[in-house]
Amino acid sequence: MKELLHKRRRDVHKGTKLITINSRIEDKESRTRVRKSFLYHVTRAEKPGAGMTSPEIHIRKSFDTIHKIEKFCFQIKGSFYTTNGGLVARVYFHHCLNVQISWKDFFIPPKTSSSG
């Protein structure tokens, strides 16, 4: 079974746009929740590339063996410049991917010692 939810919010006066996609998938081995979000914020800039930095990338992964929950988070933040006619705009973006897997039956094999 798969569920999909899509939200889009926009505030023209603040120059922001947010798109969120949530999905849930359930099968016989696991329940998976995936959330993707894309945030954009546009402001005016004097000239392109002023104070330009590389995007920040954050990755986190964890596994809870007691509750059998695996989590993964990937985020990227940064900005770029664009022009429209004579106007220069700075676009800040924040993209995020969150995945959570709840395993119904998860077996971790015992460690074996190799002698030889």
PDB file of N, CA and C in Angstrom:
ATOM      1  N   MET A   1       0.846  -1.173   0.000  1.00  0.00           N
ATOM      2  CA  MET A   1       0.000   0.000   0.000  1.00  0.00           C
ATOM      3  C   MET A   1       0.897   1.244   0.000  1.00  0.00           C
ATOM      4  N   LYS A   2       0.529   2.222  -0.797  1.00  0.00           N
ATOM      5  CA  LYS A   2       1.328   3.439  -0.893  1.00  0.00           C
ATOM      6  C   LYS A   2       0.409   4.652  -0.798  1.00  0.00           C
ATOM      7  N   GLU A   3       0.803   5.613   0.048  1.00  0.00           N
ATOM      8  CA  GLU A   3       0.087   6.888   0.183  1.00  0.00           C
ATOM      9  C   GLU A   3       1.029   8.001  -0.252  1.00  0.00           C
ATOM     10  N   LEU A   4       0.479   9.019  -0.891  1.00  0.00           N
ATOM     11  CA  LEU A   4       1.291  10.143  -1.345  1.00  0.00           C
ATOM     12  C   LEU A   4       0.552  11.438  -1.031  1.00  0.00           C
ATOM     13  N   LEU A   5       1.247  12.373  -0.403  1.00  0.00           N
ATOM     14  CA  LEU A   5       0.683  13.674  -0.054  1.00  0.00           C
ATOM     15  C   LEU A   5       1.615  14.749  -0.580  1.00  0.00           C
ATOM     16  N   HIS A   6       1.067  15.711  -1.285  1.00  0.00           N
ATOM     17  CA  HIS A   6       1.849  16.781  -1.899  1.00  0.00           C
ATOM     18  C   HIS A   6       1.299  18.115  -1.416  1.00  0.00           C
ATOM     19  N   LYS A   7       2.175  18.974  -0.876  1.00  0.00           N
ATOM     20  CA  LYS A   7       1.778  20.311  -0.428  1.00  0.00           C
ATOM     21  C   LYS A   7       2.652  21.336  -1.119  1.00  0.00           C
ATOM     22  N   ARG A   8       2.039  22.453  -1.459  1.00  0.00           N
ATOM     23  CA  ARG A   8       2.797  23.553  -2.047  1.00  0.00           C
ATOM     24  C   ARG A   8       2.300  24.844  -1.412  1.00  0.00           C
ATOM     25  N   ARG A   9       3.244  25.576  -0.845  1.00  0.00           N
ATOM     26  CA  ARG A   9       2.914  26.862  -0.224  1.00  0.00           C
ATOM     27  C   ARG A   9       3.782  27.939  -0.850  1.00  0.00           C
ATOM     28  N   ARG A  10       3.172  29.097  -1.046  1.00  0.00           N
ATOM     29  CA  ARG A  10       3.899  30.192  -1.667  1.00  0.00           C
ATOM     30  C   ARG A  10       3.450  31.500  -1.023  1.00  0.00           C
ATOM     31  N   ASP A  11       4.415  32.350  -0.705  1.00  0.00           N
ATOM     32  CA  ASP A  11       4.137  33.684  -0.187  1.00  0.00           C
ATOM     33  C   ASP A  11       4.877  34.665  -1.091  1.00  0.00           C
ATOM     34  N   VAL A  12       4.139  35.290  -1.998  1.00  0.00           N
ATOM     35  CA  VAL A  12       4.736  36.184  -2.985  1.00  0.00           C
ATOM     36  C   VAL A  12       5.354  37.407  -2.317  1.00  0.00           C
ATOM     37  N   HIS A  13       4.723  37.909  -1.264  1.00  0.00           N
ATOM     38  CA  HIS A  13       5.215  39.117  -0.597  1.00  0.00           C
ATOM     39  C   HIS A  13       6.540  38.872   0.119  1.00  0.00           C
ATOM     40  N   LYS A  14       6.737  37.679   0.657  1.00  0.00           N
ATOM     41  CA  LYS A  14       8.002  37.351   1.338  1.00  0.00           C
ATOM     42  C   LYS A  14       9.002  36.704   0.390  1.00  0.00           C
ATOM     43  N   GLY A  15       8.582  36.316  -0.788  1.00  0.00           N
ATOM     44  CA  GLY A  15       9.477  35.705  -1.766  1.00  0.00           C
ATOM     45  C   GLY A  15       9.849  34.270  -1.442  1.00  0.00           C
ATOM     46  N   THR A  16       8.934  33.532  -0.802  1.00  0.00           N
ATOM     47  CA  THR A  16       9.230  32.153  -0.427  1.00  0.00           C
ATOM     48  C   THR A  16       8.310  31.171  -1.143  1.00  0.00           C
ATOM     49  N   LYS A  17       8.849  29.977  -1.356  1.00  0.00           N
ATOM     50  CA  LYS A  17       8.083  28.894  -1.941  1.00  0.00           C
ATOM     51  C   LYS A  17       8.535  27.603  -1.272  1.00  0.00           C
ATOM     52  N   LEU A  18       7.586  26.784  -0.842  1.00  0.00           N
ATOM     53  CA  LEU A  18       7.881  25.530  -0.173  1.00  0.00           C
ATOM     54  C   LEU A  18       7.084  24.423  -0.847  1.00  0.00           C
ATOM     55  N   ILE A  19       7.770  23.364  -1.204  1.00  0.00           N
ATOM     56  CA  ILE A  19       7.128  22.184  -1.790  1.00  0.00           C
ATOM     57  C   ILE A  19       7.492  21.004  -0.905  1.00  0.00           C
ATOM     58  N   THR A  20       6.488  20.264  -0.456  1.00  0.00           N
ATOM     59  CA  THR A  20       6.702  19.108   0.396  1.00  0.00           C
ATOM     60  C   THR A  20       5.983  17.904  -0.192  1.00  0.00           C
ATOM     61  N   ILE A  21       6.686  16.780  -0.237  1.00  0.00           N
ATOM     62  CA  ILE A  21       6.108  15.530  -0.727  1.00  0.00           C
ATOM     63  C   ILE A  21       6.324  14.473   0.351  1.00  0.00           C
ATOM     64  N   ASN A  22       5.233  13.911   0.850  1.00  0.00           N
ATOM     65  CA  ASN A  22       5.294  12.860   1.856  1.00  0.00           C
ATOM     66  C   ASN A  22       4.736  11.584   1.256  1.00  0.00           C
ATOM     67  N   SER A  23       5.401  10.473   1.519  1.00  0.00           N
ATOM     68  CA  SER A  23       4.864   9.194   1.058  1.00  0.00           C
ATOM     69  C   SER A  23       5.058   8.144   2.136  1.00  0.00           C
ATOM     70  N   ARG A  24       4.136   7.203   2.165  1.00  0.00           N
ATOM     71  CA  ARG A  24       4.198   6.064   3.077  1.00  0.00           C
ATOM     72  C   ARG A  24       4.001   4.805   2.254  1.00  0.00           C
ATOM     73  N   ILE A  25       4.877   3.862   2.491  1.00  0.00           N
ATOM     74  CA  ILE A  25       4.793   2.590   1.781  1.00  0.00           C
ATOM     75  C   ILE A  25       4.840   1.496   2.836  1.00  0.00           C
ATOM     76  N   GLU A  26       3.887   0.582   2.751  1.00  0.00           N
ATOM     77  CA  GLU A  26       3.882  -0.535   3.684  1.00  0.00           C
ATOM     78  C   GLU A  26       3.845  -1.829   2.899  1.00  0.00           C
ATOM     79  N   ASP A  27       4.775  -2.704   3.225  1.00  0.00           N
ATOM     80  CA  ASP A  27       4.783  -4.031   2.627  1.00  0.00           C
ATOM     81  C   ASP A  27       4.987  -5.045   3.744  1.00  0.00           C
ATOM     82  N   LYS A  28       5.221  -6.297   3.391  1.00  0.00           N
ATOM     83  CA  LYS A  28       5.299  -7.322   4.433  1.00  0.00           C
ATOM     84  C   LYS A  28       6.570  -7.241   5.270  1.00  0.00           C
ATOM     85  N   GLU A  29       7.651  -6.609   4.775  1.00  0.00           N
ATOM     86  CA  GLU A  29       8.892  -6.510   5.533  1.00  0.00           C
ATOM     87  C   GLU A  29       9.011  -5.226   6.353  1.00  0.00           C
ATOM     88  N   SER A  30       8.426  -4.131   5.850  1.00  0.00           N
ATOM     89  CA  SER A  30       8.685  -2.846   6.500  1.00  0.00           C
ATOM     90  C   SER A  30       7.603  -1.817   6.207  1.00  0.00           C
ATOM     91  N   ARG A  31       7.693  -0.724   6.980  1.00  0.00           N
ATOM     92  CA  ARG A  31       6.914   0.491   6.731  1.00  0.00           C
ATOM     93  C   ARG A  31       7.922   1.591   6.461  1.00  0.00           C
ATOM     94  N   THR A  32       7.787   2.254   5.338  1.00  0.00           N
ATOM     95  CA  THR A  32       8.743   3.287   4.947  1.00  0.00           C
ATOM     96  C   THR A  32       8.028   4.623   4.820  1.00  0.00           C
ATOM     97  N   ARG A  33       8.599   5.639   5.467  1.00  0.00           N
ATOM     98  CA  ARG A  33       8.093   7.013   5.332  1.00  0.00           C
ATOM     99  C   ARG A  33       9.185   7.843   4.690  1.00  0.00           C
ATOM    100  N   VAL A  34       8.830   8.559   3.636  1.00  0.00           N
ATOM    101  CA  VAL A  34       9.780   9.411   2.920  1.00  0.00           C
ATOM    102  C   VAL A  34       9.202  10.822   2.875  1.00  0.00           C
ATOM    103  N   ARG A  35      10.023  11.796   3.267  1.00  0.00           N
ATOM    104  CA  ARG A  35       9.606  13.195   3.210  1.00  0.00           C
ATOM    105  C   ARG A  35      10.657  13.965   2.426  1.00  0.00           C
ATOM    106  N   LYS A  36      10.217  14.634   1.371  1.00  0.00           N
ATOM    107  CA  LYS A  36      11.097  15.486   0.570  1.00  0.00           C
ATOM    108  C   LYS A  36      10.559  16.900   0.671  1.00  0.00           C
ATOM    109  N   SER A  37      11.452  17.849   0.918  1.00  0.00           N
ATOM    110  CA  SER A  37      11.004  19.239   0.968  1.00  0.00           C
ATOM    111  C   SER A  37      12.007  20.119   0.230  1.00  0.00           C
ATOM    112  N   PHE A  38      11.460  21.124  -0.420  1.00  0.00           N
ATOM    113  CA  PHE A  38      12.247  22.058  -1.215  1.00  0.00           C
ATOM    114  C   PHE A  38      11.795  23.466  -0.843  1.00  0.00           C
ATOM    115  N   LEU A  39      12.696  24.231  -0.248  1.00  0.00           N
ATOM    116  CA  LEU A  39      12.396  25.596   0.182  1.00  0.00           C
ATOM    117  C   LEU A  39      13.235  26.560  -0.640  1.00  0.00           C
ATOM    118  N   TYR A  40      12.593  27.605  -1.143  1.00  0.00           N
ATOM    119  CA  TYR A  40      13.284  28.647  -1.907  1.00  0.00           C
ATOM    120  C   TYR A  40      12.874  30.000  -1.344  1.00  0.00           C
ATOM    121  N   HIS A  41      13.861  30.886  -1.182  1.00  0.00           N
ATOM    122  CA  HIS A  41      13.599  32.243  -0.718  1.00  0.00           C
ATOM    123  C   HIS A  41      14.383  33.201  -1.623  1.00  0.00           C
ATOM    124  N   VAL A  42      13.664  34.117  -2.279  1.00  0.00           N
ATOM    125  CA  VAL A  42      14.266  35.025  -3.251  1.00  0.00           C
ATOM    126  C   VAL A  42      14.319  36.430  -2.673  1.00  0.00           C
ATOM    127  N   THR A  43      15.522  37.048  -2.754  1.00  0.00           N
ATOM    128  CA  THR A  43      15.696  38.441  -2.334  1.00  0.00           C
ATOM    129  C   THR A  43      16.475  39.180  -3.417  1.00  0.00           C
ATOM    130  N   ARG A  44      16.367  40.487  -3.411  1.00  0.00           N
ATOM    131  CA  ARG A  44      17.136  41.290  -4.366  1.00  0.00           C
ATOM    132  C   ARG A  44      18.586  41.375  -3.941  1.00  0.00           C
ATOM    133  N   ALA A  45      19.461  41.451  -4.922  1.00  0.00           N
ATOM    134  CA  ALA A  45      20.899  41.571  -4.656  1.00  0.00           C
ATOM    135  C   ALA A  45      21.466  42.703  -5.496  1.00  0.00           C
ATOM    136  N   GLU A  46      22.540  43.301  -5.015  1.00  0.00           N
ATOM    137  CA  GLU A  46      23.183  44.394  -5.736  1.00  0.00           C
ATOM    138  C   GLU A  46      23.914  43.879  -6.972  1.00  0.00           C
ATOM    139  N   LYS A  47      24.726  42.825  -6.770  1.00  0.00           N
ATOM    140  CA  LYS A  47      25.456  42.260  -7.897  1.00  0.00           C
ATOM    141  C   LYS A  47      25.577  40.750  -7.690  1.00  0.00           C
ATOM    142  N   PRO A  48      25.659  40.001  -8.768  1.00  0.00           N
ATOM    143  CA  PRO A  48      25.719  38.545  -8.618  1.00  0.00           C
ATOM    144  C   PRO A  48      27.037  38.084  -8.011  1.00  0.00           C
ATOM    145  N   GLY A  49      26.958  37.040  -7.197  1.00  0.00           N
ATOM    146  CA  GLY A  49      28.153  36.432  -6.633  1.00  0.00           C
ATOM    147  C   GLY A  49      28.727  37.125  -5.418  1.00  0.00           C
ATOM    148  N   ALA A  50      28.068  38.150  -4.889  1.00  0.00           N
ATOM    149  CA  ALA A  50      28.586  38.849  -3.711  1.00  0.00           C
ATOM    150  C   ALA A  50      28.472  37.933  -2.495  1.00  0.00           C
ATOM    151  N   GLY A  51      29.615  37.548  -1.941  1.00  0.00           N
ATOM    152  CA  GLY A  51      29.609  36.678  -0.760  1.00  0.00           C
ATOM    153  C   GLY A  51      29.193  35.252  -1.078  1.00  0.00           C
ATOM    154  N   MET A  52      29.503  34.795  -2.268  1.00  0.00           N
ATOM    155  CA  MET A  52      29.106  33.450  -2.707  1.00  0.00           C
ATOM    156  C   MET A  52      29.910  32.394  -1.949  1.00  0.00           C
ATOM    157  N   THR A  53      29.230  31.388  -1.428  1.00  0.00           N
ATOM    158  CA  THR A  53      29.884  30.282  -0.730  1.00  0.00           C
ATOM    159  C   THR A  53      29.387  28.961  -1.321  1.00  0.00           C
ATOM    160  N   SER A  54      30.113  27.906  -1.049  1.00  0.00           N
ATOM    161  CA  SER A  54      29.706  26.577  -1.512  1.00  0.00           C
ATOM    162  C   SER A  54      28.504  26.097  -0.707  1.00  0.00           C
ATOM    163  N   PRO A  55      27.665  25.263  -1.314  1.00  0.00           N
ATOM    164  CA  PRO A  55      26.530  24.715  -0.572  1.00  0.00           C
ATOM    165  C   PRO A  55      26.990  23.836   0.592  1.00  0.00           C
ATOM    166  N   GLU A  56      26.203  23.824   1.647  1.00  0.00           N
ATOM    167  CA  GLU A  56      26.467  22.970   2.808  1.00  0.00           C
ATOM    168  C   GLU A  56      25.695  21.668   2.625  1.00  0.00           C
ATOM    169  N   ILE A  57      26.365  20.557   2.867  1.00  0.00           N
ATOM    170  CA  ILE A  57      25.730  19.253   2.750  1.00  0.00           C
ATOM    171  C   ILE A  57      25.828  18.552   4.094  1.00  0.00           C
ATOM    172  N   HIS A  58      24.697  18.063   4.585  1.00  0.00           N
ATOM    173  CA  HIS A  58      24.639  17.346   5.858  1.00  0.00           C
ATOM    174  C   HIS A  58      23.986  15.991   5.619  1.00  0.00           C
ATOM    175  N   ILE A  59      24.629  14.927   6.092  1.00  0.00           N
ATOM    176  CA  ILE A  59      24.096  13.580   5.963  1.00  0.00           C
ATOM    177  C   ILE A  59      24.141  12.924   7.338  1.00  0.00           C
ATOM    178  N   ARG A  60      23.011  12.358   7.734  1.00  0.00           N
ATOM    179  CA  ARG A  60      22.931  11.634   9.000  1.00  0.00           C
ATOM    180  C   ARG A  60      22.246  10.296   8.762  1.00  0.00           C
ATOM    181  N   LYS A  61      22.747   9.270   9.421  1.00  0.00           N
ATOM    182  CA  LYS A  61      22.124   7.958   9.335  1.00  0.00           C
ATOM    183  C   LYS A  61      22.196   7.317  10.707  1.00  0.00           C
ATOM    184  N   SER A  62      21.095   6.683  11.105  1.00  0.00           N
ATOM    185  CA  SER A  62      21.085   6.006  12.391  1.00  0.00           C
ATOM    186  C   SER A  62      20.226   4.756  12.299  1.00  0.00           C
ATOM    187  N   PHE A  63      20.509   3.840  13.217  1.00  0.00           N
ATOM    188  CA  PHE A  63      19.727   2.609  13.277  1.00  0.00           C
ATOM    189  C   PHE A  63      19.469   2.268  14.737  1.00  0.00           C
ATOM    190  N   ASP A  64      18.198   2.162  15.093  1.00  0.00           N
ATOM    191  CA  ASP A  64      17.783   1.800  16.446  1.00  0.00           C
ATOM    192  C   ASP A  64      17.478   0.305  16.439  1.00  0.00           C
ATOM    193  N   THR A  65      18.373  -0.496  17.019  1.00  0.00           N
ATOM    194  CA  THR A  65      18.200  -1.955  16.978  1.00  0.00           C
ATOM    195  C   THR A  65      17.087  -2.435  17.902  1.00  0.00           C
ATOM    196  N   ILE A  66      16.775  -1.689  18.937  1.00  0.00           N
ATOM    197  CA  ILE A  66      15.704  -2.102  19.850  1.00  0.00           C
ATOM    198  C   ILE A  66      14.342  -1.954  19.188  1.00  0.00           C
ATOM    199  N   HIS A  67      14.100  -0.798  18.566  1.00  0.00           N
ATOM    200  CA  HIS A  67      12.804  -0.539  17.929  1.00  0.00           C
ATOM    201  C   HIS A  67      12.798  -0.881  16.441  1.00  0.00           C
ATOM    202  N   LYS A  68      13.936  -1.307  15.895  1.00  0.00           N
ATOM    203  CA  LYS A  68      14.077  -1.707  14.494  1.00  0.00           C
ATOM    204  C   LYS A  68      13.722  -0.566  13.533  1.00  0.00           C
ATOM    205  N   ILE A  69      14.234   0.624  13.839  1.00  0.00           N
ATOM    206  CA  ILE A  69      13.951   1.804  13.012  1.00  0.00           C
ATOM    207  C   ILE A  69      15.266   2.316  12.431  1.00  0.00           C
ATOM    208  N   GLU A  70      15.282   2.468  11.136  1.00  0.00           N
ATOM    209  CA  GLU A  70      16.434   2.993  10.418  1.00  0.00           C
ATOM    210  C   GLU A  70      16.063   4.376   9.894  1.00  0.00           C
ATOM    211  N   LYS A  71      16.946   5.360  10.120  1.00  0.00           N
ATOM    212  CA  LYS A  71      16.675   6.729   9.693  1.00  0.00           C
ATOM    213  C   LYS A  71      17.825   7.241   8.840  1.00  0.00           C
ATOM    214  N   PHE A  72      17.462   8.023   7.837  1.00  0.00           N
ATOM    215  CA  PHE A  72      18.442   8.638   6.951  1.00  0.00           C
ATOM    216  C   PHE A  72      17.971  10.052   6.651  1.00  0.00           C
ATOM    217  N   CYS A  73      18.884  11.020   6.756  1.00  0.00           N
ATOM    218  CA  CYS A  73      18.554  12.418   6.476  1.00  0.00           C
ATOM    219  C   CYS A  73      19.652  13.023   5.608  1.00  0.00           C
ATOM    220  N   PHE A  74      19.245  13.647   4.524  1.00  0.00           N
ATOM    221  CA  PHE A  74      20.168  14.318   3.616  1.00  0.00           C
ATOM    222  C   PHE A  74      19.663  15.735   3.420  1.00  0.00           C
ATOM    223  N   GLN A  75      20.516  16.738   3.710  1.00  0.00           N
ATOM    224  CA  GLN A  75      20.142  18.141   3.548  1.00  0.00           C
ATOM    225  C   GLN A  75      21.217  18.868   2.762  1.00  0.00           C
ATOM    226  N   ILE A  76      20.774  19.775   1.934  1.00  0.00           N
ATOM    227  CA  ILE A  76      21.706  20.645   1.221  1.00  0.00           C
ATOM    228  C   ILE A  76      21.143  22.067   1.293  1.00  0.00           C
ATOM    229  N   LYS A  77      22.022  23.004   1.688  1.00  0.00           N
ATOM    230  CA  LYS A  77      21.640  24.412   1.824  1.00  0.00           C
ATOM    231  C   LYS A  77      22.629  25.254   1.047  1.00  0.00           C
ATOM    232  N   GLY A  78      22.140  26.296   0.436  1.00  0.00           N
ATOM    233  CA  GLY A  78      23.026  27.180  -0.299  1.00  0.00           C
ATOM    234  C   GLY A  78      22.258  28.281  -0.991  1.00  0.00           C
ATOM    235  N   SER A  79      22.924  28.963  -1.892  1.00  0.00           N
ATOM    236  CA  SER A  79      22.267  30.028  -2.647  1.00  0.00           C
ATOM    237  C   SER A  79      22.936  30.171  -4.002  1.00  0.00           C
ATOM    238  N   PHE A  80      22.178  30.757  -4.903  1.00  0.00           N
ATOM    239  CA  PHE A  80      22.709  31.077  -6.224  1.00  0.00           C
ATOM    240  C   PHE A  80      22.080  32.391  -6.670  1.00  0.00           C
ATOM    241  N   TYR A  81      22.668  32.977  -7.701  1.00  0.00           N
ATOM    242  CA  TYR A  81      22.196  34.260  -8.210  1.00  0.00           C
ATOM    243  C   TYR A  81      21.632  34.072  -9.614  1.00  0.00           C
ATOM    244  N   THR A  82      20.610  34.863  -9.902  1.00  0.00           N
ATOM    245  CA  THR A  82      20.004  34.841 -11.223  1.00  0.00           C
ATOM    246  C   THR A  82      19.612  36.266 -11.599  1.00  0.00           C
ATOM    247  N   THR A  83      19.451  36.493 -12.878  1.00  0.00           N
ATOM    248  CA  THR A  83      19.042  37.820 -13.348  1.00  0.00           C
ATOM    249  C   THR A  83      17.772  37.693 -14.172  1.00  0.00           C
ATOM    250  N   ASN A  84      16.967  38.729 -14.098  1.00  0.00           N
ATOM    251  CA  ASN A  84      15.747  38.811 -14.891  1.00  0.00           C
ATOM    252  C   ASN A  84      15.676  40.251 -15.403  1.00  0.00           C
ATOM    253  N   GLY A  85      16.026  40.435 -16.659  1.00  0.00           N
ATOM    254  CA  GLY A  85      16.114  41.801 -17.183  1.00  0.00           C
ATOM    255  C   GLY A  85      17.296  42.487 -16.524  1.00  0.00           C
ATOM    256  N   GLY A  86      17.058  43.610 -15.850  1.00  0.00           N
ATOM    257  CA  GLY A  86      18.130  44.326 -15.157  1.00  0.00           C
ATOM    258  C   GLY A  86      18.212  44.008 -13.674  1.00  0.00           C
ATOM    259  N   LEU A  87      17.304  43.158 -13.159  1.00  0.00           N
ATOM    260  CA  LEU A  87      17.287  42.840 -11.737  1.00  0.00           C
ATOM    261  C   LEU A  87      18.156  41.623 -11.430  1.00  0.00           C
ATOM    262  N   VAL A  88      18.870  41.712 -10.327  1.00  0.00           N
ATOM    263  CA  VAL A  88      19.673  40.581  -9.848  1.00  0.00           C
ATOM    264  C   VAL A  88      18.998  40.050  -8.587  1.00  0.00           C
ATOM    265  N   ALA A  89      18.808  38.741  -8.527  1.00  0.00           N
ATOM    266  CA  ALA A  89      18.148  38.125  -7.375  1.00  0.00           C
ATOM    267  C   ALA A  89      19.033  37.023  -6.799  1.00  0.00           C
ATOM    268  N   ARG A  90      19.021  36.929  -5.476  1.00  0.00           N
ATOM    269  CA  ARG A  90      19.706  35.836  -4.775  1.00  0.00           C
ATOM    270  C   ARG A  90      18.644  34.836  -4.347  1.00  0.00           C
ATOM    271  N   VAL A  91      18.842  33.583  -4.700  1.00  0.00           N
ATOM    272  CA  VAL A  91      17.894  32.524  -4.360  1.00  0.00           C
ATOM    273  C   VAL A  91      18.554  31.612  -3.330  1.00  0.00           C
ATOM    274  N   TYR A  92      18.024  31.624  -2.112  1.00  0.00           N
ATOM    275  CA  TYR A  92      18.473  30.715  -1.063  1.00  0.00           C
ATOM    276  C   TYR A  92      17.639  29.443  -1.183  1.00  0.00           C
ATOM    277  N   PHE A  93      18.287  28.288  -1.094  1.00  0.00           N
ATOM    278  CA  PHE A  93      17.536  27.035  -1.178  1.00  0.00           C
ATOM    279  C   PHE A  93      17.932  26.107  -0.043  1.00  0.00           C
ATOM    280  N   HIS A  94      16.987  25.276   0.335  1.00  0.00           N
ATOM    281  CA  HIS A  94      17.195  24.255   1.367  1.00  0.00           C
ATOM    282  C   HIS A  94      16.397  23.031   0.935  1.00  0.00           C
ATOM    283  N   HIS A  95      17.110  22.003   0.507  1.00  0.00           N
ATOM    284  CA  HIS A  95      16.479  20.764   0.077  1.00  0.00           C
ATOM    285  C   HIS A  95      16.729  19.713   1.150  1.00  0.00           C
ATOM    286  N   CYS A  96      15.720  18.906   1.434  1.00  0.00           N
ATOM    287  CA  CYS A  96      15.835  17.927   2.502  1.00  0.00           C
ATOM    288  C   CYS A  96      15.164  16.624   2.084  1.00  0.00           C
ATOM    289  N   LEU A  97      15.826  15.510   2.380  1.00  0.00           N
ATOM    290  CA  LEU A  97      15.268  14.179   2.152  1.00  0.00           C
ATOM    291  C   LEU A  97      15.373  13.413   3.458  1.00  0.00           C
ATOM    292  N   ASN A  98      14.231  12.981   3.994  1.00  0.00           N
ATOM    293  CA  ASN A  98      14.186  12.185   5.217  1.00  0.00           C
ATOM    294  C   ASN A  98      13.533  10.850   4.895  1.00  0.00           C
ATOM    295  N   VAL A  99      14.208   9.764   5.291  1.00  0.00           N
ATOM    296  CA  VAL A  99      13.674   8.422   5.079  1.00  0.00           C
ATOM    297  C   VAL A  99      13.697   7.708   6.421  1.00  0.00           C
ATOM    298  N   GLN A 100      12.560   7.106   6.778  1.00  0.00           N
ATOM    299  CA  GLN A 100      12.484   6.311   8.003  1.00  0.00           C
ATOM    300  C   GLN A 100      11.889   4.961   7.659  1.00  0.00           C
ATOM    301  N   ILE A 101      12.620   3.907   7.996  1.00  0.00           N
ATOM    302  CA  ILE A 101      12.165   2.547   7.715  1.00  0.00           C
ATOM    303  C   ILE A 101      11.956   1.836   9.042  1.00  0.00           C
ATOM    304  N   SER A 102      10.749   1.360   9.268  1.00  0.00           N
ATOM    305  CA  SER A 102      10.439   0.554  10.447  1.00  0.00           C
ATOM    306  C   SER A 102      10.361  -0.890   9.990  1.00  0.00           C
ATOM    307  N   TRP A 103      11.348  -1.672  10.414  1.00  0.00           N
ATOM    308  CA  TRP A 103      11.411  -3.072   9.996  1.00  0.00           C
ATOM    309  C   TRP A 103      10.491  -3.896  10.879  1.00  0.00           C
ATOM    310  N   LYS A 104       9.700  -4.754  10.271  1.00  0.00           N
ATOM    311  CA  LYS A 104       8.807  -5.618  11.028  1.00  0.00           C
ATOM    312  C   LYS A 104       9.576  -6.799  11.605  1.00  0.00           C
ATOM    313  N   ASP A 105      10.361  -7.473  10.804  1.00  0.00           N
ATOM    314  CA  ASP A 105      11.222  -8.558  11.255  1.00  0.00           C
ATOM    315  C   ASP A 105      12.617  -8.268  10.746  1.00  0.00           C
ATOM    316  N   PHE A 106      13.492  -7.989  11.683  1.00  0.00           N
ATOM    317  CA  PHE A 106      14.864  -7.686  11.278  1.00  0.00           C
ATOM    318  C   PHE A 106      15.780  -8.579  12.070  1.00  0.00           C
ATOM    319  N   PHE A 107      16.590  -9.327  11.386  1.00  0.00           N
ATOM    320  CA  PHE A 107      17.484 -10.276  12.021  1.00  0.00           C
ATOM    321  C   PHE A 107      18.919  -9.854  11.791  1.00  0.00           C
ATOM    322  N   ILE A 108      19.648  -9.663  12.867  1.00  0.00           N
ATOM    323  CA  ILE A 108      21.064  -9.343  12.766  1.00  0.00           C
ATOM    324  C   ILE A 108      21.819 -10.637  13.043  1.00  0.00           C
ATOM    325  N   PRO A 109      22.552 -11.146  12.066  1.00  0.00           N
ATOM    326  CA  PRO A 109      23.265 -12.414  12.282  1.00  0.00           C
ATOM    327  C   PRO A 109      24.328 -12.261  13.361  1.00  0.00           C
ATOM    328  N   PRO A 110      24.521 -13.310  14.168  1.00  0.00           N
ATOM    329  CA  PRO A 110      25.556 -13.218  15.205  1.00  0.00           C
ATOM    330  C   PRO A 110      26.934 -13.168  14.587  1.00  0.00           C
ATOM    331  N   LYS A 111      27.841 -12.506  15.296  1.00  0.00           N
ATOM    332  CA  LYS A 111      29.215 -12.415  14.801  1.00  0.00           C
ATOM    333  C   LYS A 111      29.871 -13.781  14.903  1.00  0.00           C
ATOM    334  N   THR A 112      30.548 -14.142  13.859  1.00  0.00           N
ATOM    335  CA  THR A 112      31.268 -15.418  13.872  1.00  0.00           C
ATOM    336  C   THR A 112      32.748 -15.122  13.904  1.00  0.00           C
ATOM    337  N   SER A 113      33.445 -15.896  14.671  1.00  0.00           N
ATOM    338  CA  SER A 113      34.886 -15.715  14.719  1.00  0.00           C
ATOM    339  C   SER A 113      35.511 -16.718  13.778  1.00  0.00           C
ATOM    340  N   SER A 114      36.390 -16.243  12.971  1.00  0.00           N
ATOM    341  CA  SER A 114      37.065 -17.138  12.018  1.00  0.00           C
ATOM    342  C   SER A 114      38.406 -17.524  12.602  1.00  0.00           C
ATOM    343  N   SER A 115      38.616 -18.781  12.666  1.00  0.00           N
ATOM    344  CA  SER A 115      39.922 -19.262  13.166  1.00  0.00           C
ATOM    345  C   SER A 115      40.668 -19.877  12.004  1.00  0.00           C
ATOM    346  N   GLY A 116      41.849 -19.506  11.830  1.00  0.00           N
ATOM    347  CA  GLY A 116      42.557 -20.130  10.738  1.00  0.00           C
ATOM    348  C   GLY A 116      43.704 -19.406  10.325  1.00  0.00           C
TER     349      GLY A 116
END
